[in-house]
Protein backbone atom coordinates (compact mmCIF):
# COMPACT_ATOMS: atom_id res chain seq x y z
CA UNK A 1 -19.58 34.45 -30.70
CA UNK A 2 -15.96 34.25 -29.16
CA UNK A 3 -15.61 31.20 -26.83
CA UNK A 4 -13.15 32.06 -23.99
CA UNK A 5 -10.65 29.44 -22.96
CA UNK A 6 -9.66 30.98 -19.82
CA UNK A 7 -10.96 29.09 -16.73
CA UNK A 8 -14.03 30.27 -15.20
CA UNK A 9 -13.24 31.09 -11.01
CA UNK A 10 -16.18 30.03 -8.76
CA UNK A 11 -16.52 32.55 -6.05
CA UNK A 12 -18.16 31.66 -2.43
CA UNK A 13 -20.81 34.98 -3.69
CA UNK A 14 -21.65 33.28 -6.55
CA UNK A 15 -22.13 29.86 -5.88
CA UNK A 16 -22.39 27.82 -2.24
CA UNK A 17 -19.33 26.26 -1.45
CA UNK A 18 -20.39 22.68 -1.08
CA UNK A 19 -21.70 22.99 -5.25
CA UNK A 20 -18.03 24.65 -5.40
CA UNK A 21 -16.66 21.95 -3.78
CA UNK A 22 -18.61 19.23 -6.06
CA UNK A 23 -17.83 20.52 -9.03
CA UNK A 24 -14.25 20.84 -8.56
CA UNK A 25 -13.93 17.59 -7.62
CA UNK A 26 -15.37 16.21 -10.64
CA UNK A 27 -12.25 16.76 -11.80
CA UNK A 28 -10.53 14.63 -9.95
CA UNK A 29 -10.58 10.78 -10.54
CA UNK A 30 -10.58 8.95 -7.60
CA UNK A 31 -10.36 4.84 -7.02
CA UNK A 32 -13.03 2.79 -6.78
CA UNK A 33 -13.38 0.25 -3.88
CA UNK A 34 -15.82 -1.30 -1.77
CA UNK A 35 -15.57 -1.24 1.97
CA UNK A 36 -17.51 -4.16 3.69
CA UNK A 37 -18.12 -5.03 7.60
CA UNK A 38 -19.40 -7.07 9.30
CA UNK A 39 -23.52 -7.71 9.63
CA UNK A 40 -22.45 -8.11 6.62
CA UNK A 41 -22.77 -4.15 5.02
CA UNK A 42 -20.95 -2.30 2.59
CA UNK A 43 -20.49 0.47 0.35
CA UNK A 44 -18.92 1.91 -2.76
CA UNK A 45 -16.27 4.61 -1.86
CA UNK A 46 -13.83 6.66 -3.40
CA UNK A 47 -12.58 8.55 -0.18
CA UNK A 48 -9.92 5.63 0.23
CA UNK A 49 -6.54 6.74 1.19
CA UNK A 50 -3.21 5.68 2.80
CA UNK A 51 -2.43 6.93 5.81
CA UNK A 52 0.89 5.94 7.00
CA UNK A 53 3.17 3.37 6.39
CA UNK A 54 4.74 2.44 9.88
CA UNK A 55 1.99 1.53 11.34
CA UNK A 56 0.32 0.49 7.87
CA UNK A 57 -3.14 2.77 8.26
CA UNK A 58 -5.23 3.11 5.80
CA UNK A 59 -8.54 5.55 5.77
CA UNK A 60 -12.04 6.01 4.04
CA UNK A 61 -14.73 8.69 4.68
CA UNK A 62 -18.75 7.61 5.06
CA UNK A 63 -21.93 10.38 4.97
CA UNK A 64 -23.34 10.49 8.21
CA UNK A 65 -26.57 9.43 7.39
CA UNK A 66 -25.40 6.97 4.72
CA UNK A 67 -27.53 3.28 4.75
CA UNK A 68 -24.40 2.20 6.24
CA UNK A 69 -23.47 4.27 8.17
CA UNK A 70 -24.63 2.81 11.90
CA UNK A 71 -22.88 -0.46 10.64
CA UNK A 72 -19.69 1.39 10.14
CA UNK A 73 -20.10 3.10 13.70
CA UNK A 74 -20.43 -0.35 15.55
CA UNK A 75 -17.50 -2.54 13.22
CA UNK A 76 -14.30 -2.76 14.95
CA UNK A 77 -12.59 -4.28 11.86
CA UNK A 78 -13.19 -3.20 7.75
CA UNK A 79 -12.36 -4.59 4.88
CA UNK A 80 -11.42 -2.46 1.64
CA UNK A 81 -11.36 -4.37 -1.89
CA UNK A 82 -9.99 -2.68 -4.84
CA UNK A 83 -11.56 -2.93 -7.57
CA UNK A 84 -10.75 -3.18 -11.33
CA UNK A 85 -12.65 -2.14 -14.40
CA UNK A 86 -14.53 -6.05 -14.75
CA UNK A 87 -15.86 -4.29 -11.40
CA UNK A 88 -18.25 -1.66 -12.19
CA UNK A 89 -21.20 -3.40 -11.80
CA UNK A 90 -19.94 -4.63 -8.52
CA UNK A 91 -19.31 -0.75 -7.78
CA UNK A 92 -22.67 -0.09 -8.75
CA UNK A 93 -24.17 -2.42 -6.69
CA UNK A 94 -22.58 -1.25 -3.81
CA UNK A 95 -23.43 2.44 -4.49
CA UNK A 96 -27.01 1.27 -4.52
CA UNK A 97 -29.35 2.79 -1.35
CA UNK A 98 -32.10 -0.08 -0.07
CA UNK A 99 -31.15 -2.83 -1.77
CA UNK A 100 -29.25 -5.84 -0.41
CA UNK A 101 -26.05 -5.41 -1.92
CA UNK A 102 -24.54 -8.96 -1.07
CA UNK A 103 -27.12 -10.32 -3.24
CA UNK A 104 -25.89 -12.58 -6.09
CA UNK A 105 -22.18 -11.44 -4.99
CA UNK A 106 -19.61 -14.02 -4.21
CA UNK A 107 -18.20 -13.52 -1.12
CA UNK A 108 -17.04 -15.12 2.22
CA UNK A 109 -16.39 -14.17 5.96
CA UNK A 110 -12.61 -14.03 6.93
CA UNK A 111 -11.71 -15.78 10.38
CA UNK A 112 -13.38 -12.47 11.92
CA UNK A 113 -16.30 -12.78 10.19
CA UNK A 114 -15.78 -9.50 7.57
CA UNK A 115 -17.03 -10.46 4.06
CA UNK A 116 -14.59 -9.92 1.75
CA UNK A 117 -15.62 -9.87 -2.25
CA UNK A 118 -14.30 -12.52 -4.06
CA UNK A 119 -14.21 -10.77 -7.60
CA UNK A 120 -12.03 -8.07 -6.08
CA UNK A 121 -8.83 -7.82 -7.70
CA UNK A 122 -7.08 -7.14 -4.47
CA UNK A 123 -8.31 -6.60 -0.82
CA UNK A 124 -6.91 -5.58 2.45
CA UNK A 125 -8.48 -5.85 6.24
CA UNK A 126 -7.91 -3.34 9.10
CA UNK A 127 -8.50 -3.25 12.65
CA UNK A 128 -10.62 0.22 13.46
CA UNK A 129 -8.12 2.80 15.58
CA UNK A 130 -9.79 6.08 15.05
CA UNK A 131 -13.53 6.48 14.05
CA UNK A 132 -14.01 10.80 14.39
CA UNK A 133 -17.07 12.74 13.05
CA UNK A 134 -15.76 15.32 10.64
CA UNK A 135 -18.35 17.89 8.87
CA UNK A 136 -20.97 15.89 7.87
CA UNK A 137 -19.06 12.83 7.25
CA UNK A 138 -17.37 9.65 9.54
CA UNK A 139 -13.85 9.74 9.05
CA UNK A 140 -12.76 5.89 9.70
CA UNK A 141 -9.24 5.19 10.24
CA UNK A 142 -7.65 1.32 10.80
CA UNK A 143 -4.30 -0.83 10.74
CA UNK A 144 -4.07 -2.92 8.46
CA UNK A 145 -3.89 -6.80 9.82
CA UNK A 146 -4.46 -8.81 6.40
CA UNK A 147 -4.55 -8.51 2.44
CA UNK A 148 -4.37 -10.22 -0.91
CA UNK A 149 -3.77 -9.06 -4.39
CA UNK A 150 -5.50 -11.99 -6.69
CA UNK A 151 -4.70 -10.55 -9.88
CA UNK A 152 -3.30 -7.44 -12.27
CA UNK A 153 -6.43 -5.61 -13.41
CA UNK A 154 -6.30 -2.42 -14.71
CA UNK A 155 -8.04 -0.10 -12.11
CA UNK A 156 -11.61 1.13 -11.74
CA UNK A 157 -11.92 5.26 -11.28
CA UNK A 158 -14.50 7.53 -10.76
CA UNK A 159 -14.02 10.66 -12.42
CA UNK A 160 -16.26 13.80 -14.14
CA UNK A 161 -19.62 11.35 -12.49
CA UNK A 162 -19.12 8.08 -14.19
CA UNK A 163 -16.62 4.66 -13.97
CA UNK A 164 -13.96 4.76 -15.77
CA UNK A 165 -10.18 3.11 -16.22
CA UNK A 166 -6.83 4.06 -15.20
CA UNK A 167 -4.13 2.99 -17.80
CA UNK A 168 -0.41 3.80 -17.86
CA UNK A 169 0.44 6.83 -19.98
CA UNK A 170 3.57 6.04 -22.18
CA UNK A 171 6.56 8.47 -22.66
CA UNK A 172 6.12 9.70 -19.65
CA UNK A 173 8.59 8.92 -16.27
CA UNK A 174 7.59 7.08 -13.50
CA UNK A 175 7.10 8.34 -10.47
């Protein structure tokens, strides 16, 4: 038996497009964050990204039917916690539905009532400027108003269905 090393191209007539997206995005490593809103409510997200430096805008997406979607729809501010590898259990806890995600989690409200997770190496808060339904998700864009970096830690990433560590490659030009 000969194994081909050629990549297999997925075609819409062979697989539903949502399955193509799932299978392809498993190859994309994404930073792991926890997004929190007043309530408190929160969830693990890999959809966090920067949008603009001036003004300082960030975004995330959340499934429209997620258990925290209603709280996010009503929040005027949110916090994003960038996680390190030592936060894998925290990421797993905030990914579970049907539980008190804040149980046993050291957190404190900022002056506006946003829960800030103390174990996160870095966090920021933002005021919602856009909330838009896109497909089966809710896209939220916020203008950054505060943040802090508490420690340098290897970033927690999600890749191929599992948590992993991001590390610098040696001998490669930095960008």
